[in-house]
Amino acid sequence: MNNTIEDLELYGLSNSDISVDLGKRFKIYRIALNLTQKEVSEQSGVSVMTLVRFESGEFGSIGLNKFIALMRALQLLENIADVIPDMPESLYDKRSIRNQRQRASKRKNEKQYSKR
């Protein structure tokens, strides 16, 4: 059975499984756009070997900058915003901008440990 991200619950997949699936998807897009690995390499600045490994799933992870460069080469940058979408307005604190939180609060049990 050929499982993809749509076929399985995302949280049930390992990071490696997701990386492999992304590489396969990237290859499908590249071929559909009639681009060779060499052309994508030249456009993105990512080596052909790194691209081969990414597409074949051999390369467990590539750096974020390389991933963005590859997405740029296939003209898929508009999809990057979906990775971490804008916060829905309903979840924003309604206070003024200068009063917005800049970091998460410590949990109660963390406060106890930090006092020791």
Protein backbone atom coordinates (compact mmCIF):
# COMPACT_ATOMS: atom_id res chain seq x y z
CA MET A 1 0.00 0.00 0.00
CA ASN A 2 1.40 3.37 -1.03
CA ASN A 3 0.64 5.74 1.84
CA THR A 4 0.90 9.50 1.49
CA ILE A 5 0.31 12.28 4.00
CA GLU A 6 -3.38 12.43 2.95
CA ASP A 7 -3.84 8.70 3.60
CA LEU A 8 -2.56 8.77 7.17
CA GLU A 9 -3.02 10.85 10.28
CA LEU A 10 -0.12 13.34 10.26
CA TYR A 11 0.70 12.94 13.93
CA GLY A 12 1.02 9.20 13.45
CA LEU A 13 3.86 9.70 10.98
CA SER A 14 7.49 10.11 11.92
CA ASN A 15 9.37 13.22 10.85
CA SER A 16 11.33 11.00 8.48
CA ASP A 17 8.11 9.68 6.88
CA ILE A 18 6.91 13.23 6.29
CA SER A 19 10.29 14.22 4.80
CA VAL A 20 10.16 11.25 2.43
CA ASP A 21 6.64 12.18 1.32
CA LEU A 22 7.64 15.82 0.76
CA GLY A 23 10.56 14.69 -1.39
CA LYS A 24 8.25 12.52 -3.49
CA ARG A 25 5.78 15.38 -3.90
CA PHE A 26 8.58 17.73 -4.89
CA LYS A 27 9.75 15.30 -7.57
CA ILE A 28 6.21 15.01 -8.98
CA TYR A 29 6.00 18.81 -9.25
CA ARG A 30 9.47 19.08 -10.80
CA ILE A 31 8.67 16.49 -13.46
CA ALA A 32 5.24 18.04 -14.17
CA LEU A 33 7.02 21.37 -14.74
CA ASN A 34 9.40 19.57 -17.12
CA LEU A 35 12.46 20.60 -15.11
CA THR A 36 15.57 18.46 -14.77
CA GLN A 37 17.35 18.04 -11.47
CA LYS A 38 20.26 19.98 -12.96
CA GLU A 39 17.99 22.90 -13.88
CA VAL A 40 16.45 23.00 -10.39
CA SER A 41 19.94 22.78 -8.90
CA GLU A 42 21.13 25.73 -10.96
CA GLN A 43 18.03 27.81 -10.16
CA SER A 44 18.07 27.04 -6.44
CA GLY A 45 21.78 26.83 -5.65
CA VAL A 46 21.17 23.40 -4.08
CA SER A 47 23.53 20.68 -5.28
CA VAL A 48 22.20 17.97 -7.57
CA MET A 49 23.22 15.31 -5.02
CA THR A 50 21.24 17.04 -2.26
CA LEU A 51 18.24 17.24 -4.60
CA VAL A 52 18.58 13.55 -5.56
CA ARG A 53 18.70 12.57 -1.88
CA PHE A 54 15.74 14.78 -1.00
CA GLU A 55 13.58 13.40 -3.81
CA SER A 56 14.49 9.79 -3.07
CA GLY A 57 14.00 10.03 0.66
CA GLU A 58 17.62 9.10 1.43
CA PHE A 59 18.35 12.49 2.90
CA GLY A 60 16.44 12.66 6.19
CA SER A 61 16.31 16.41 6.34
CA ILE A 62 17.44 19.42 4.40
CA GLY A 63 17.94 22.83 5.91
CA LEU A 64 15.11 25.30 5.82
CA ASN A 65 17.05 27.66 3.53
CA LYS A 66 17.58 24.85 1.01
CA PHE A 67 13.94 23.84 1.21
CA ILE A 68 12.85 27.44 0.55
CA ALA A 69 15.32 27.69 -2.35
CA LEU A 70 13.87 24.51 -3.87
CA MET A 71 10.31 25.81 -3.43
CA ARG A 72 11.37 29.07 -5.09
CA ALA A 73 12.86 27.17 -8.05
CA LEU A 74 9.51 25.45 -8.66
CA GLN A 75 7.62 28.72 -8.08
CA LEU A 76 5.81 27.28 -5.05
CA LEU A 77 6.69 29.99 -2.53
CA GLU A 78 3.05 30.98 -2.08
CA ASN A 79 2.60 27.61 -0.32
CA ILE A 80 5.24 28.42 2.33
CA ALA A 81 2.74 30.62 4.19
CA ASP A 82 0.60 27.53 4.80
CA VAL A 83 3.36 25.94 6.89
CA ILE A 84 2.66 28.38 9.74
CA PRO A 85 -0.52 30.23 8.81
CA ASP A 86 -1.45 33.64 10.19
CA MET A 87 -3.10 33.48 13.58
CA PRO A 88 -6.90 33.71 13.27
CA GLU A 89 -8.13 37.05 14.56
CA SER A 90 -10.38 35.32 17.10
CA LEU A 91 -7.27 34.00 18.88
CA TYR A 92 -5.52 37.36 19.07
CA ASP A 93 -5.57 39.16 22.36
CA LYS A 94 -7.72 42.26 21.85
CA ARG A 95 -5.27 44.47 23.79
CA SER A 96 -3.24 47.12 22.01
CA ILE A 97 -0.15 46.07 20.04
CA ARG A 98 2.32 47.34 22.64
CA ASN A 99 0.63 45.17 25.28
CA GLN A 100 0.77 41.98 23.23
CA ARG A 101 2.66 39.11 24.78
CA GLN A 102 6.16 38.60 23.48
CA ARG A 103 6.72 35.12 24.94
CA ALA A 104 4.87 32.28 26.59
CA SER A 105 4.32 32.24 30.34
CA LYS A 106 6.05 29.69 32.54
CA ARG A 107 3.87 26.88 33.75
CA LYS A 108 3.25 26.63 37.49
CA ASN A 109 5.52 23.61 37.90
CA GLU A 110 8.32 25.37 36.00
CA LYS A 111 8.11 28.37 38.34
CA GLN A 112 8.61 26.08 41.32
CA TYR A 113 11.76 24.60 39.79
CA SER A 114 13.23 27.95 38.81
CA LYS A 115 13.09 29.19 42.44
CA ARG A 116 15.41 26.46 43.68
